[in-house]
N, C-alpha and C. Protein backbone atom coordinates (compact mmCIF):
# COMPACT_ATOMS: atom_id res chain seq x y z
N MET A 1 -173.01 187.19 61.46
CA MET A 1 -171.93 186.80 61.13
C MET A 1 -171.38 187.29 60.09
N THR A 2 -169.22 187.70 60.23
CA THR A 2 -168.75 187.66 59.74
C THR A 2 -168.84 186.57 57.92
N LEU A 3 -167.70 186.52 57.10
CA LEU A 3 -167.34 185.80 55.93
C LEU A 3 -166.76 184.62 56.58
N TRP A 4 -165.90 184.95 56.90
CA TRP A 4 -164.95 183.79 57.69
C TRP A 4 -165.49 182.59 57.80
N ALA A 5 -166.66 182.91 59.43
CA ALA A 5 -167.53 182.63 60.00
C ALA A 5 -168.78 181.53 59.11
N SER A 6 -169.12 182.58 57.90
CA SER A 6 -170.16 181.99 56.94
C SER A 6 -169.55 180.69 56.21
N LEU A 7 -168.69 180.56 55.43
CA LEU A 7 -167.11 180.14 54.89
C LEU A 7 -167.12 179.14 56.05
N LEU A 8 -166.78 178.93 56.90
CA LEU A 8 -166.44 177.95 57.81
C LEU A 8 -167.57 177.03 58.20
N THR A 9 -168.97 177.51 58.29
CA THR A 9 -170.11 177.19 58.41
C THR A 9 -170.11 176.69 57.16
N MET A 10 -170.40 177.01 56.03
CA MET A 10 -171.24 176.55 54.66
C MET A 10 -169.97 174.85 54.72
N SER A 11 -168.50 175.58 54.98
CA SER A 11 -168.26 174.10 54.50
C SER A 11 -167.94 172.58 55.51
N LEU A 12 -168.90 173.21 56.75
CA LEU A 12 -168.52 171.76 57.68
C LEU A 12 -169.74 171.46 57.10
N VAL A 13 -170.80 172.52 57.16
CA VAL A 13 -172.46 171.73 56.63
C VAL A 13 -172.10 170.78 54.80
N MET A 14 -171.11 171.22 54.30
CA MET A 14 -171.25 170.28 53.19
C MET A 14 -169.95 169.75 53.03
N THR A 15 -169.35 169.18 54.13
CA THR A 15 -168.54 167.30 55.08
C THR A 15 -169.69 167.31 55.19
N VAL A 16 -170.35 167.22 56.11
CA VAL A 16 -171.70 166.46 56.63
C VAL A 16 -172.47 165.98 55.40
N VAL A 17 -173.41 166.93 54.99
CA VAL A 17 -173.83 166.38 53.31
C VAL A 17 -173.19 165.30 52.51
N ALA A 18 -171.48 166.03 52.44
CA ALA A 18 -170.87 164.51 50.80
C ALA A 18 -170.78 163.43 52.33
N GLY A 19 -170.36 163.64 53.14
CA GLY A 19 -170.60 162.42 54.45
C GLY A 19 -171.56 161.02 53.44
N PHE A 20 -172.66 162.04 54.17
CA PHE A 20 -174.25 161.67 53.62
C PHE A 20 -174.07 161.19 52.64
N LEU A 21 -174.37 161.55 51.34
CA LEU A 21 -174.00 161.23 50.27
C LEU A 21 -173.40 159.96 49.74
N ALA A 22 -172.06 159.81 50.29
CA ALA A 22 -171.22 159.20 50.43
C ALA A 22 -171.82 157.38 51.23
N VAL A 23 -172.59 157.58 52.15
CA VAL A 23 -173.28 156.53 52.28
C VAL A 23 -174.26 156.33 52.02
N VAL A 24 -174.81 156.96 51.83
CA VAL A 24 -176.12 156.64 51.24
C VAL A 24 -176.29 156.29 50.03
N LEU A 25 -175.62 156.79 48.50
CA LEU A 25 -176.05 156.68 47.98
C LEU A 25 -175.23 155.21 47.23
N ARG A 26 -175.76 154.44 46.50
CA ARG A 26 -175.87 153.31 45.89
C ARG A 26 -175.02 152.78 44.70
N ASP A 27 -174.93 153.58 43.78
CA ASP A 27 -173.51 153.06 42.91
C ASP A 27 -172.19 153.70 43.38
N LEU A 28 -171.35 152.99 43.55
CA LEU A 28 -169.58 153.29 44.00
C LEU A 28 -169.38 154.27 43.39
N LEU A 29 -169.45 154.37 41.95
CA LEU A 29 -168.41 155.28 41.56
C LEU A 29 -169.28 157.16 42.04
N ALA A 30 -170.16 157.14 42.38
CA ALA A 30 -170.75 158.35 42.85
C ALA A 30 -170.27 158.05 44.47
N ALA A 31 -170.53 157.01 44.73
CA ALA A 31 -170.06 156.95 46.73
C ALA A 31 -168.56 157.75 46.76
N ALA A 32 -168.10 156.45 45.60
CA ALA A 32 -166.24 157.38 45.66
C ALA A 32 -166.33 159.16 45.39
N LEU A 33 -166.71 159.47 44.71
CA LEU A 33 -166.65 161.00 44.88
C LEU A 33 -167.48 162.11 45.45
N ALA A 34 -167.89 161.26 46.00
CA ALA A 34 -168.60 162.09 47.21
C ALA A 34 -167.96 162.21 48.74
N LEU A 35 -167.33 161.12 48.16
CA LEU A 35 -165.87 160.81 49.59
C LEU A 35 -164.80 162.02 49.14
N GLY A 36 -164.74 161.72 47.93
CA GLY A 36 -163.91 162.35 47.71
C GLY A 36 -164.12 164.12 48.03
N ALA A 37 -164.91 164.57 47.49
CA ALA A 37 -165.53 165.62 47.59
C ALA A 37 -165.88 166.05 49.27
N GLN A 38 -165.93 165.04 50.11
CA GLN A 38 -165.72 165.29 51.38
C GLN A 38 -165.08 166.38 52.13
N GLY A 39 -164.10 165.39 51.61
CA GLY A 39 -162.06 165.50 51.87
C GLY A 39 -161.87 166.78 51.48
N LEU A 40 -162.26 167.10 50.14
CA LEU A 40 -162.21 168.88 49.89
C LEU A 40 -162.82 169.75 49.76
N PHE A 41 -164.10 169.04 51.18
CA PHE A 41 -164.90 170.67 52.03
C PHE A 41 -163.70 170.12 53.25
N LEU A 42 -163.34 169.90 53.75
CA LEU A 42 -162.23 169.39 54.79
C LEU A 42 -161.47 170.51 54.76
N SER A 43 -160.65 170.31 54.05
CA SER A 43 -159.24 170.76 54.02
C SER A 43 -159.45 171.80 53.47
N LEU A 44 -160.83 172.62 52.84
CA LEU A 44 -160.97 173.71 52.81
C LEU A 44 -161.25 174.43 55.18
N ALA A 45 -162.19 173.49 55.31
CA ALA A 45 -162.00 173.57 56.67
C ALA A 45 -161.04 174.47 57.52
N PHE A 46 -160.27 172.86 57.93
CA PHE A 46 -158.99 173.38 57.85
C PHE A 46 -157.53 174.55 57.10
N TYR A 47 -158.21 174.92 56.54
CA TYR A 47 -157.40 175.99 55.90
C TYR A 47 -158.59 177.25 56.83
N LEU A 48 -159.35 177.24 56.79
CA LEU A 48 -159.98 178.13 56.76
C LEU A 48 -159.62 178.69 58.80
N LEU A 49 -159.87 177.40 59.31
CA LEU A 49 -159.53 177.41 61.11
C LEU A 49 -157.81 177.77 60.81
N GLN A 50 -157.49 178.16 60.01
CA GLN A 50 -155.69 178.70 59.78
C GLN A 50 -154.74 177.07 60.79
N ALA A 51 -155.33 175.90 59.54
CA ALA A 51 -154.01 174.49 59.90
C ALA A 51 -153.27 174.51 58.75
N PRO A 52 -153.10 175.81 57.98
CA PRO A 52 -152.48 174.81 55.98
C PRO A 52 -151.76 173.86 56.26
N ASP A 53 -150.56 173.55 57.33
CA ASP A 53 -150.12 172.38 56.67
C ASP A 53 -151.18 171.17 56.94
N VAL A 54 -152.03 170.49 57.85
CA VAL A 54 -153.04 169.85 57.95
C VAL A 54 -153.76 169.82 56.52
N ALA A 55 -154.51 171.07 56.18
CA ALA A 55 -155.44 170.99 54.92
C ALA A 55 -154.51 170.89 53.46
N ILE A 56 -153.08 170.98 53.44
CA ILE A 56 -152.68 170.32 52.47
C ILE A 56 -152.79 169.24 52.31
N ALA A 57 -152.17 168.27 53.48
CA ALA A 57 -152.26 166.63 54.20
C ALA A 57 -153.57 166.69 53.32
N GLN A 58 -154.73 167.15 54.60
CA GLN A 58 -156.37 166.92 54.03
C GLN A 58 -156.56 166.31 52.44
N ALA A 59 -155.99 167.01 51.80
CA ALA A 59 -156.04 167.42 50.45
C ALA A 59 -155.42 166.75 49.38
N GLY A 60 -153.99 166.32 49.67
CA GLY A 60 -153.23 165.55 48.74
C GLY A 60 -153.68 164.28 49.12
N ILE A 61 -153.50 163.77 50.72
CA ILE A 61 -153.74 162.50 50.99
C ILE A 61 -155.81 162.25 51.10
N GLY A 62 -156.05 162.91 52.13
CA GLY A 62 -157.56 162.03 52.56
C GLY A 62 -159.24 162.24 50.72
N ALA A 63 -158.07 163.63 50.21
CA ALA A 63 -158.99 163.44 48.76
C ALA A 63 -158.79 163.11 47.55
N ALA A 64 -157.49 163.66 47.08
CA ALA A 64 -156.73 162.72 46.01
C ALA A 64 -156.29 161.35 45.99
N LEU A 65 -155.61 161.11 47.08
CA LEU A 65 -155.24 160.24 46.49
C LEU A 65 -156.09 158.50 47.12
N THR A 66 -156.75 159.23 47.75
CA THR A 66 -158.08 157.55 48.64
C THR A 66 -158.61 157.41 47.24
N THR A 67 -159.37 159.25 47.16
CA THR A 67 -160.11 158.95 46.10
C THR A 67 -159.52 158.23 44.74
N ALA A 68 -158.39 158.18 44.51
CA ALA A 68 -157.91 157.77 43.11
C ALA A 68 -158.07 156.14 43.51
N ILE A 69 -157.27 155.85 45.07
CA ILE A 69 -157.47 154.43 45.19
C ILE A 69 -158.18 153.80 45.03
N PHE A 70 -159.54 154.31 45.52
CA PHE A 70 -161.37 154.65 45.31
C PHE A 70 -161.90 153.82 43.96
N LEU A 71 -161.55 154.55 43.09
CA LEU A 71 -161.90 154.73 41.45
C LEU A 71 -160.78 153.45 41.20
N LEU A 72 -159.70 153.34 41.52
CA LEU A 72 -158.52 152.13 40.80
C LEU A 72 -159.68 150.75 41.17
N ALA A 73 -159.92 150.87 42.84
CA ALA A 73 -160.40 149.47 42.72
C ALA A 73 -161.26 149.09 42.34
N ILE A 74 -162.72 150.59 42.04
CA ILE A 74 -163.81 149.80 41.23
C ILE A 74 -162.98 149.34 39.95
N ARG A 75 -163.19 150.13 39.13
CA ARG A 75 -162.28 150.05 37.75
C ARG A 75 -161.75 148.39 37.89
N LYS A 76 -160.95 148.34 39.18
CA LYS A 76 -160.82 146.25 38.32
C LYS A 76 -162.40 145.33 39.03
N THR A 77 -162.82 146.00 39.88
CA THR A 77 -163.67 145.01 40.12
C THR A 77 -164.74 144.57 39.37
N ARG A 78 -165.18 143.49 39.25
CA ARG A 78 -166.45 143.19 37.54
C ARG A 78 -168.00 142.88 38.75
N ARG A 79 -168.99 143.18 38.10
CA ARG A 79 -170.14 142.88 38.44
C ARG A 79 -170.43 141.35 38.31
N LYS A 80 -170.97 141.60 39.18
CA LYS A 80 -171.83 139.46 39.07
C LYS A 80 -172.88 139.39 38.31
N GLU A 81 -172.56 138.65 36.66
CA GLU A 81 -173.80 138.99 36.37
C GLU A 81 -174.89 137.98 36.79
N GLU A 82 -176.19 137.55 36.79
CA GLU A 82 -177.09 136.25 36.63
C GLU A 82 -176.77 135.53 35.69
N GLU A 83 -176.40 134.03 35.87
CA GLU A 83 -176.38 133.46 34.61
C GLU A 83 -178.39 132.74 34.51
């Protein structure tokens, strides 16, 4: 197995792991960060598959902008306290 194939396999496995963590984590902040990590790993996979334009779009929008929007939304919400 070549280095390229190993990096691609590792990137895709980490994409699946980060996606799974985003679904099962109970903390919204941790889930949003896991989703951002998934976007970065997917961006790396696109780069390794020789699609740098898609990788840049995925890193910029899928990982950075979407994660920032999620974090801002989480910050604006309040937890309802029991009375």
